[in-house]
Protein backbone atom coordinates (compact mmCIF):
# COMPACT_ATOMS: atom_id res chain seq x y z
CA GLN A 1 -123.51 82.70 5.00
CA VAL A 2 -124.79 86.34 5.00
CA GLN A 3 -128.35 86.54 4.58
CA LEU A 4 -130.55 90.00 4.24
CA ALA A 5 -134.52 89.35 3.53
CA GLU A 6 -136.17 92.67 3.43
CA SER A 7 -139.88 92.24 3.91
CA GLY A 8 -142.95 94.45 3.99
CA GLY A 9 -143.51 96.34 0.78
CA GLY A 10 -146.69 97.12 -2.13
CA LEU A 11 -148.92 99.37 -3.24
CA VAL A 12 -150.10 102.09 -0.65
CA GLN A 13 -151.73 105.50 -1.51
CA PRO A 14 -150.27 108.78 -1.35
CA GLY A 15 -150.29 109.57 2.29
CA GLY A 16 -150.11 106.24 3.54
CA SER A 17 -147.47 104.45 5.74
CA LEU A 18 -145.69 101.30 5.41
CA SER A 19 -143.00 99.54 7.60
CA LEU A 20 -140.30 97.19 5.79
CA SER A 21 -138.42 94.42 7.64
CA CYS A 22 -135.16 93.37 7.28
CA ALA A 23 -134.13 89.91 8.55
CA ALA A 24 -130.25 89.04 8.96
CA SER A 25 -128.80 85.86 9.16
CA GLY A 26 -124.91 84.18 9.27
CA PHE A 27 -123.60 86.80 11.30
CA THR A 28 -122.95 88.74 14.14
CA PHE A 29 -125.94 91.64 13.85
CA ASN A 30 -124.95 93.85 16.59
CA SER A 31 -122.16 94.39 15.67
CA HIS A 32 -123.09 96.36 12.75
CA TYR A 33 -124.00 99.03 11.24
CA MET A 34 -127.09 98.16 8.96
CA ALA A 35 -128.94 100.78 6.27
CA TRP A 36 -131.81 100.60 3.83
CA VAL A 37 -130.99 101.98 0.23
CA ARG A 38 -133.37 102.19 -1.89
CA GLN A 39 -133.48 102.53 -6.23
CA ALA A 40 -136.17 104.34 -7.97
CA PRO A 41 -137.22 102.36 -11.57
CA GLY A 42 -134.29 104.18 -14.40
CA LYS A 43 -132.56 105.99 -11.26
CA GLY A 44 -129.96 105.17 -9.27
CA LEU A 45 -129.41 104.08 -5.61
CA GLU A 46 -130.47 106.79 -3.18
CA TRP A 47 -129.09 105.93 0.48
CA LEU A 48 -131.84 105.84 3.02
CA SER A 49 -130.23 106.22 6.47
CA ASP A 50 -128.22 103.84 8.94
CA MET A 51 -127.84 102.39 12.13
CA ALA A 52 -124.85 102.02 14.73
CA ASN A 53 -125.25 98.22 16.65
CA GLY A 54 -125.27 101.38 19.62
CA GLY A 55 -128.13 102.81 18.35
CA LYS A 56 -127.19 105.91 16.91
CA THR A 57 -128.95 106.65 12.87
CA ASN A 58 -128.30 108.67 10.45
CA THR A 59 -130.74 109.61 8.06
CA ALA A 60 -131.38 111.64 4.48
CA ASP A 61 -132.65 114.97 4.68
CA SER A 62 -135.06 113.60 1.96
CA VAL A 63 -136.74 111.63 4.29
CA LYS A 64 -135.91 112.99 7.68
CA GLY A 65 -139.42 113.42 9.75
CA ARG A 66 -141.08 110.24 7.47
CA PHE A 67 -138.86 108.05 7.57
CA THR A 68 -137.59 106.17 10.81
CA ILE A 69 -134.84 103.35 10.67
CA SER A 70 -134.95 100.65 14.05
CA ARG A 71 -133.49 97.88 14.76
CA ASP A 72 -133.99 94.69 16.86
CA ASN A 73 -130.45 93.31 17.51
CA ALA A 74 -132.13 90.54 19.58
CA LYS A 75 -134.19 89.18 16.39
CA ASN A 76 -131.71 89.85 14.04
CA THR A 77 -133.95 92.25 12.19
CA LEU A 78 -134.16 96.28 10.88
CA TYR A 79 -136.85 98.00 10.57
CA LEU A 80 -137.52 100.82 8.37
CA GLN A 81 -141.08 103.06 8.83
CA MET A 82 -142.33 104.29 6.34
CA ASN A 83 -144.88 107.84 6.95
CA SER A 84 -146.64 110.25 4.87
CA LEU A 85 -145.55 108.46 1.39
CA LYS A 86 -145.00 110.15 -1.93
CA PRO A 87 -145.18 109.19 -5.19
CA GLU A 88 -141.31 109.38 -5.16
CA ASP A 89 -140.58 107.10 -2.92
CA THR A 90 -141.72 104.11 -5.31
CA ALA A 91 -138.15 101.98 -5.58
CA LEU A 92 -137.23 98.59 -4.53
CA TYR A 93 -135.54 98.95 -0.96
CA TYR A 94 -132.40 97.45 0.36
CA CYS A 95 -130.93 97.18 3.52
CA ALA A 96 -127.17 96.33 3.46
CA ARG A 97 -124.97 95.39 6.16
CA ASP A 98 -122.14 97.93 6.70
CA MET A 99 -118.61 96.55 6.95
CA THR A 100 -116.56 99.07 8.14
CA GLY A 101 -119.16 101.16 9.63
CA TRP A 102 -117.80 103.79 7.08
CA GLY A 103 -120.41 103.36 4.71
CA ILE A 104 -119.24 100.38 2.89
CA TYR A 105 -121.54 97.40 1.89
CA ASP A 106 -120.32 94.32 1.10
CA TYR A 107 -124.19 92.03 1.23
CA TRP A 108 -127.49 93.21 0.30
CA GLY A 109 -130.54 91.93 0.56
CA LYS A 110 -133.26 91.26 -3.15
CA GLY A 111 -135.00 94.49 -2.11
CA THR A 112 -138.80 95.10 -1.12
CA LEU A 113 -140.48 96.83 -3.77
CA VAL A 114 -142.89 100.09 -2.34
CA THR A 115 -145.46 101.29 -5.08
CA VAL A 116 -147.03 104.74 -3.81
CA SER A 117 -149.77 105.29 -6.38
CA SER A 118 -153.04 106.24 -6.36
């Protein structure tokens, strides 16, 4: 069955960096767009970035220049490098599989918590 497992979250000081990973299994990883989405405490879901199987990326303006999505199709793994973190980046970070390539996400991981605080 399809499984997505995020890791790499934790507590980091403002201005710091974290790298998140999402290990995928149960499907042909390199056939799907993949995305990162977050949910801050008390707020709705916020799409952050996605990446096509061929490497094309899209990133939300709110994190552009600070967050970078990447993938290793040989390892069935999606990454999110986060730099210059701010307290408002505190959230539960999810990876998601795009079913169609048009932003319809059919499988989600359980999330990894990122807390940015001094």
